[in-house]
Every structure is written in C-alpha cells, then in structure tokens.
N, C-alpha and C. Protein backbone atom coordinates (compact mmCIF):
# COMPACT_ATOMS: atom_id res chain seq x y z
N MET A 1 30.63 7.00 33.57
CA MET A 1 29.82 5.81 33.40
C MET A 1 30.62 4.79 32.60
N GLU A 2 30.58 3.57 33.02
CA GLU A 2 31.32 2.51 32.32
C GLU A 2 30.56 2.07 31.07
N SER A 3 31.25 1.38 30.20
CA SER A 3 30.66 1.00 28.92
C SER A 3 29.49 0.03 29.08
N TRP A 4 29.54 -0.89 30.03
CA TRP A 4 28.44 -1.82 30.22
C TRP A 4 27.21 -1.11 30.73
N GLN A 5 27.40 -0.03 31.49
CA GLN A 5 26.25 0.75 31.96
C GLN A 5 25.59 1.51 30.82
N VAL A 6 26.41 2.03 29.91
CA VAL A 6 25.87 2.73 28.74
C VAL A 6 25.06 1.77 27.89
N VAL A 7 25.58 0.57 27.70
CA VAL A 7 24.87 -0.44 26.91
C VAL A 7 23.55 -0.81 27.60
N LEU A 8 23.57 -0.95 28.90
CA LEU A 8 22.37 -1.29 29.65
C LEU A 8 21.33 -0.19 29.56
N VAL A 9 21.73 1.06 29.69
CA VAL A 9 20.80 2.19 29.59
C VAL A 9 20.24 2.29 28.17
N ALA A 10 21.09 2.08 27.17
CA ALA A 10 20.63 2.13 25.77
C ALA A 10 19.63 1.02 25.49
N ALA A 11 19.90 -0.17 26.00
CA ALA A 11 18.97 -1.29 25.81
C ALA A 11 17.64 -1.01 26.50
N GLY A 12 17.68 -0.43 27.68
CA GLY A 12 16.45 -0.05 28.37
C GLY A 12 15.66 1.00 27.61
N ALA A 13 16.37 1.96 27.02
CA ALA A 13 15.70 3.00 26.23
C ALA A 13 15.04 2.41 24.99
N VAL A 14 15.74 1.50 24.32
CA VAL A 14 15.17 0.85 23.13
C VAL A 14 13.94 0.03 23.51
N LEU A 15 14.01 -0.67 24.62
CA LEU A 15 12.87 -1.46 25.09
C LEU A 15 11.69 -0.57 25.44
N ALA A 16 11.95 0.57 26.07
CA ALA A 16 10.88 1.50 26.42
C ALA A 16 10.22 2.08 25.17
N VAL A 17 11.00 2.44 24.17
CA VAL A 17 10.44 2.98 22.93
C VAL A 17 9.63 1.92 22.20
N ALA A 18 10.11 0.69 22.18
CA ALA A 18 9.36 -0.39 21.53
C ALA A 18 8.04 -0.65 22.25
N THR A 19 8.06 -0.60 23.57
CA THR A 19 6.83 -0.79 24.35
C THR A 19 5.83 0.31 24.07
N LEU A 20 6.29 1.54 24.00
CA LEU A 20 5.40 2.66 23.69
C LEU A 20 4.83 2.54 22.27
N ALA A 21 5.63 2.06 21.33
CA ALA A 21 5.13 1.89 19.96
C ALA A 21 4.04 0.83 19.91
N VAL A 22 4.24 -0.27 20.60
CA VAL A 22 3.22 -1.33 20.64
C VAL A 22 1.95 -0.82 21.33
N ALA A 23 2.11 -0.06 22.40
CA ALA A 23 0.95 0.49 23.11
C ALA A 23 0.19 1.46 22.21
N ALA A 24 0.89 2.25 21.43
CA ALA A 24 0.22 3.19 20.52
C ALA A 24 -0.56 2.45 19.44
N VAL A 25 0.02 1.39 18.88
CA VAL A 25 -0.67 0.60 17.87
C VAL A 25 -1.91 -0.06 18.48
N LEU A 26 -1.78 -0.60 19.68
CA LEU A 26 -2.93 -1.21 20.35
C LEU A 26 -4.03 -0.19 20.62
N LEU A 27 -3.66 1.01 21.01
CA LEU A 27 -4.66 2.04 21.27
C LEU A 27 -5.41 2.41 20.01
N VAL A 28 -4.71 2.53 18.90
CA VAL A 28 -5.36 2.84 17.62
C VAL A 28 -6.31 1.71 17.24
N ARG A 29 -5.87 0.47 17.41
CA ARG A 29 -6.74 -0.67 17.07
C ARG A 29 -7.96 -0.72 17.98
N LEU A 30 -7.78 -0.37 19.26
CA LEU A 30 -8.92 -0.35 20.18
C LEU A 30 -9.95 0.68 19.77
N VAL A 31 -9.51 1.86 19.41
CA VAL A 31 -10.44 2.92 19.00
C VAL A 31 -11.17 2.52 17.73
N ARG A 32 -10.43 1.97 16.76
CA ARG A 32 -11.08 1.53 15.52
C ARG A 32 -12.10 0.43 15.77
N THR A 33 -11.77 -0.50 16.64
CA THR A 33 -12.70 -1.59 16.96
C THR A 33 -13.92 -1.05 17.68
N TYR A 34 -13.73 -0.11 18.58
CA TYR A 34 -14.87 0.50 19.27
C TYR A 34 -15.80 1.17 18.27
N LEU A 35 -15.24 1.86 17.28
CA LEU A 35 -16.08 2.51 16.28
C LEU A 35 -16.82 1.48 15.43
N LEU A 36 -16.21 0.33 15.16
CA LEU A 36 -16.89 -0.72 14.41
C LEU A 36 -18.05 -1.32 15.20
N LEU A 37 -17.91 -1.39 16.51
CA LEU A 37 -18.93 -2.04 17.33
C LEU A 37 -20.13 -1.15 17.63
N ARG A 38 -20.11 0.07 17.16
CA ARG A 38 -21.21 0.98 17.43
C ARG A 38 -22.45 0.66 16.61
N GLY A 39 -22.34 -0.16 15.59
CA GLY A 39 -23.48 -0.49 14.74
C GLY A 39 -24.50 -1.35 15.47
N ALA A 40 -25.76 -1.18 15.11
CA ALA A 40 -26.84 -1.91 15.78
C ALA A 40 -26.87 -3.38 15.38
N ASP A 41 -26.30 -3.72 14.23
CA ASP A 41 -26.37 -5.10 13.76
C ASP A 41 -25.25 -5.98 14.30
N VAL A 42 -24.33 -5.42 15.06
CA VAL A 42 -23.23 -6.20 15.64
C VAL A 42 -23.76 -6.95 16.86
N PRO A 43 -23.51 -8.26 16.95
CA PRO A 43 -24.07 -9.04 18.06
C PRO A 43 -23.49 -8.61 19.42
N VAL A 44 -24.28 -8.87 20.44
CA VAL A 44 -23.89 -8.52 21.80
C VAL A 44 -22.65 -9.29 22.24
N SER A 45 -22.48 -10.50 21.74
CA SER A 45 -21.30 -11.30 22.11
C SER A 45 -20.01 -10.62 21.67
N ALA A 46 -20.02 -9.94 20.52
CA ALA A 46 -18.83 -9.24 20.07
C ALA A 46 -18.53 -8.05 20.97
N ARG A 47 -19.56 -7.33 21.35
CA ARG A 47 -19.36 -6.20 22.27
C ARG A 47 -18.87 -6.69 23.63
N THR A 48 -19.40 -7.81 24.08
CA THR A 48 -18.98 -8.37 25.36
C THR A 48 -17.52 -8.80 25.31
N ALA A 49 -17.10 -9.39 24.18
CA ALA A 49 -15.71 -9.80 24.04
C ALA A 49 -14.78 -8.59 24.08
N PHE A 50 -15.19 -7.50 23.44
CA PHE A 50 -14.37 -6.29 23.43
C PHE A 50 -14.22 -5.72 24.84
N TRP A 51 -15.33 -5.51 25.51
CA TRP A 51 -15.28 -4.90 26.86
C TRP A 51 -14.65 -5.85 27.87
N GLY A 52 -14.86 -7.16 27.72
CA GLY A 52 -14.24 -8.12 28.63
C GLY A 52 -12.72 -8.13 28.50
N ALA A 53 -12.23 -8.11 27.26
CA ALA A 53 -10.78 -8.08 27.04
C ALA A 53 -10.18 -6.78 27.55
N LEU A 54 -10.88 -5.68 27.34
CA LEU A 54 -10.38 -4.39 27.82
C LEU A 54 -10.35 -4.34 29.34
N LEU A 55 -11.39 -4.86 29.98
CA LEU A 55 -11.41 -4.88 31.45
C LEU A 55 -10.33 -5.80 32.01
N TYR A 56 -10.12 -6.94 31.38
CA TYR A 56 -9.07 -7.84 31.85
C TYR A 56 -7.69 -7.20 31.75
N THR A 57 -7.50 -6.40 30.69
CA THR A 57 -6.21 -5.75 30.50
C THR A 57 -5.92 -4.75 31.61
N VAL A 58 -6.92 -4.03 32.07
CA VAL A 58 -6.69 -3.00 33.10
C VAL A 58 -6.95 -3.51 34.51
N PHE A 59 -7.54 -4.71 34.64
CA PHE A 59 -7.85 -5.25 35.96
C PHE A 59 -6.56 -5.67 36.66
N PRO A 60 -6.44 -5.40 37.95
CA PRO A 60 -5.17 -5.69 38.64
C PRO A 60 -4.89 -7.18 38.87
N VAL A 61 -5.88 -8.05 38.80
CA VAL A 61 -5.67 -9.48 39.03
C VAL A 61 -5.39 -10.14 37.68
N ASP A 62 -4.26 -10.84 37.57
CA ASP A 62 -3.84 -11.46 36.31
C ASP A 62 -3.53 -12.94 36.51
N LEU A 63 -3.46 -13.66 35.38
CA LEU A 63 -3.02 -15.05 35.43
C LEU A 63 -1.52 -15.13 35.66
N LEU A 64 -0.78 -14.18 35.09
CA LEU A 64 0.67 -14.08 35.27
C LEU A 64 0.98 -12.84 36.10
N PRO A 65 2.09 -12.81 36.79
CA PRO A 65 2.43 -11.62 37.60
C PRO A 65 2.48 -10.36 36.74
N ASP A 66 2.25 -9.21 37.39
CA ASP A 66 2.13 -7.94 36.67
C ASP A 66 3.32 -7.52 35.83
N PRO A 67 4.56 -7.77 36.20
CA PRO A 67 5.64 -7.33 35.32
C PRO A 67 5.62 -8.01 33.95
N VAL A 68 4.90 -9.13 33.83
CA VAL A 68 4.79 -9.84 32.56
C VAL A 68 3.40 -9.58 32.00
N TYR A 69 3.32 -8.74 30.96
CA TYR A 69 2.02 -8.36 30.39
C TYR A 69 1.62 -9.24 29.21
N LEU A 70 2.23 -10.42 29.08
CA LEU A 70 1.92 -11.27 27.93
C LEU A 70 0.48 -11.75 27.93
N ASP A 71 -0.05 -12.08 29.09
CA ASP A 71 -1.44 -12.55 29.12
C ASP A 71 -2.41 -11.42 28.81
N ASP A 72 -2.14 -10.22 29.31
CA ASP A 72 -3.02 -9.07 29.04
C ASP A 72 -3.03 -8.73 27.56
N VAL A 73 -1.84 -8.53 27.01
CA VAL A 73 -1.73 -8.14 25.61
C VAL A 73 -2.20 -9.27 24.70
N GLY A 74 -1.88 -10.49 25.05
CA GLY A 74 -2.32 -11.63 24.24
C GLY A 74 -3.83 -11.75 24.17
N LEU A 75 -4.49 -11.61 25.31
CA LEU A 75 -5.95 -11.68 25.32
C LEU A 75 -6.56 -10.52 24.54
N LEU A 76 -5.99 -9.34 24.69
CA LEU A 76 -6.50 -8.18 23.97
C LEU A 76 -6.31 -8.34 22.47
N LEU A 77 -5.16 -8.83 22.04
CA LEU A 77 -4.93 -9.06 20.61
C LEU A 77 -5.84 -10.15 20.07
N LEU A 78 -6.07 -11.20 20.84
CA LEU A 78 -6.98 -12.26 20.42
C LEU A 78 -8.40 -11.72 20.24
N ALA A 79 -8.84 -10.90 21.17
CA ALA A 79 -10.18 -10.30 21.06
C ALA A 79 -10.26 -9.37 19.85
N LEU A 80 -9.23 -8.57 19.61
CA LEU A 80 -9.24 -7.68 18.46
C LEU A 80 -9.25 -8.46 17.15
N HIS A 81 -8.52 -9.56 17.10
CA HIS A 81 -8.51 -10.41 15.90
C HIS A 81 -9.91 -11.00 15.67
N HIS A 82 -10.53 -11.49 16.73
CA HIS A 82 -11.88 -12.05 16.62
C HIS A 82 -12.87 -10.97 16.14
N LEU A 83 -12.75 -9.78 16.69
CA LEU A 83 -13.69 -8.72 16.35
C LEU A 83 -13.49 -8.20 14.93
N SER A 84 -12.28 -8.26 14.41
CA SER A 84 -12.10 -7.87 13.01
C SER A 84 -12.78 -8.88 12.09
N GLY A 85 -12.78 -10.16 12.48
CA GLY A 85 -13.52 -11.16 11.72
C GLY A 85 -15.02 -10.93 11.78
N VAL A 86 -15.51 -10.55 12.95
CA VAL A 86 -16.94 -10.22 13.09
C VAL A 86 -17.28 -9.02 12.23
N ALA A 87 -16.43 -8.03 12.20
CA ALA A 87 -16.67 -6.83 11.39
C ALA A 87 -16.73 -7.18 9.90
N ARG A 88 -15.84 -8.06 9.45
CA ARG A 88 -15.87 -8.48 8.05
C ARG A 88 -17.16 -9.23 7.73
N ARG A 89 -17.62 -10.03 8.69
CA ARG A 89 -18.85 -10.79 8.49
C ARG A 89 -20.06 -9.87 8.34
N TYR A 90 -20.03 -8.73 9.02
CA TYR A 90 -21.14 -7.79 8.99
C TYR A 90 -20.92 -6.67 7.99
N GLY A 91 -19.98 -6.85 7.07
CA GLY A 91 -19.82 -5.92 5.97
C GLY A 91 -19.05 -4.67 6.28
N ARG A 92 -18.30 -4.65 7.35
CA ARG A 92 -17.49 -3.48 7.68
C ARG A 92 -16.03 -3.90 7.62
N ALA A 93 -15.24 -3.08 7.02
CA ALA A 93 -13.81 -3.36 6.96
C ALA A 93 -13.15 -2.85 8.24
N PRO A 94 -12.26 -3.63 8.85
CA PRO A 94 -11.56 -3.13 10.02
C PRO A 94 -10.76 -1.89 9.67
N GLY A 95 -10.83 -0.90 10.52
CA GLY A 95 -10.08 0.33 10.30
C GLY A 95 -10.91 1.44 9.71
N GLU A 96 -12.15 1.17 9.33
CA GLU A 96 -12.97 2.25 8.82
C GLU A 96 -14.15 2.47 9.76
N ALA A 97 -14.50 3.70 9.95
CA ALA A 97 -15.57 4.05 10.86
C ALA A 97 -16.91 3.77 10.19
N GLN A 98 -17.94 3.74 11.00
CA GLN A 98 -19.27 3.50 10.48
C GLN A 98 -19.71 4.72 9.68
N ALA A 99 -20.26 4.48 8.50
CA ALA A 99 -20.67 5.59 7.63
C ALA A 99 -21.90 6.28 8.20
N ALA A 100 -21.97 7.57 7.98
CA ALA A 100 -23.13 8.33 8.44
C ALA A 100 -24.32 8.01 7.54
N PRO A 101 -25.54 8.01 8.09
CA PRO A 101 -26.71 7.73 7.27
C PRO A 101 -26.91 8.84 6.24
N PRO A 102 -27.50 8.52 5.10
CA PRO A 102 -27.70 9.55 4.09
C PRO A 102 -28.66 10.62 4.59
N ARG A 103 -28.37 11.84 4.23
CA ARG A 103 -29.18 12.96 4.68
C ARG A 103 -30.35 13.16 3.74
N ILE A 104 -31.55 13.29 4.29
CA ILE A 104 -32.75 13.51 3.50
C ILE A 104 -33.02 15.01 3.47
N PRO A 105 -33.09 15.60 2.27
CA PRO A 105 -33.33 17.04 2.22
C PRO A 105 -34.72 17.38 2.73
N ASN A 106 -34.84 18.54 3.33
CA ASN A 106 -36.12 18.99 3.88
C ASN A 106 -36.69 20.08 2.98
N THR A 107 -37.00 19.69 1.75
CA THR A 107 -37.60 20.62 0.79
C THR A 107 -39.03 20.20 0.56
N PRO A 108 -39.85 21.08 0.04
CA PRO A 108 -41.26 20.69 -0.23
C PRO A 108 -41.39 19.50 -1.16
N GLU A 109 -40.50 19.40 -2.16
CA GLU A 109 -40.57 18.26 -3.07
C GLU A 109 -40.25 16.95 -2.36
N ALA A 110 -39.26 16.99 -1.49
CA ALA A 110 -38.90 15.79 -0.74
C ALA A 110 -40.01 15.39 0.23
N ARG A 111 -40.68 16.36 0.82
CA ARG A 111 -41.78 16.02 1.74
C ARG A 111 -42.95 15.39 0.99
N ARG A 112 -43.20 15.84 -0.24
CA ARG A 112 -44.29 15.27 -1.02
C ARG A 112 -43.98 13.83 -1.41
N ARG A 113 -42.70 13.51 -1.65
CA ARG A 113 -42.32 12.16 -2.05
C ARG A 113 -42.41 11.18 -0.88
N ARG A 114 -42.33 11.66 0.32
CA ARG A 114 -42.37 10.75 1.48
C ARG A 114 -43.72 10.26 1.73
C-alpha cells in the first residue's frame, strides 16, 4: 500500500470514530430528554418537538441529500436545546431522570392519618 493510501485510510478511520462518538452523545441526550418529557406537567408542544425532530432525523426525505446529515443533526440538536430550556422552566435539570413519588407506608398508623 502506498503512503497516500495509508493516510486516506487513517483519515477515514478517524472520521468514522468521530461520527460514532457524536452519535453516542446524541443517543445519550435523546434518552435523557425522553426521560424528562415523561412528566405530566410538560406541555404537549415540547413532546411534539421531540418526536418531530426524531422522526425527521430517521425519515428518508431530507432538505439536503442523504450523505450530508447536517440538516438532520442540526434539527435534532436544536430541538434538544429547546427541550433542555423547557425542562429548566419546569424545574427539572437536563440529564436527571424524573424522581419517583414518595412511598406512603401501609401501616395502621399511616392509614389512620389519611
């Protein structure tokens, strides 16, 4: 193999690893955002923005040709940024799951207090 071919293969490998790293970060952010949107007090518009951006990302029809994923990733990142602002507005920090409701003990004393 000639030296320019080695450089080309190495550059392709670096690009592939960088793409996988960005995809992994996006996947983690998607899961965290989905967990934030599970609350009942989150508006329907925020849920619609999340699912709309996700559907656009996987939908085969794009504004730009498929080898260029800038529109897909850009729209998804814009929606995630918007939804993190919505989460802050509703008292949830991005990256933390919704807390479980407090457990009420089922003892005779607790039943009398209810």
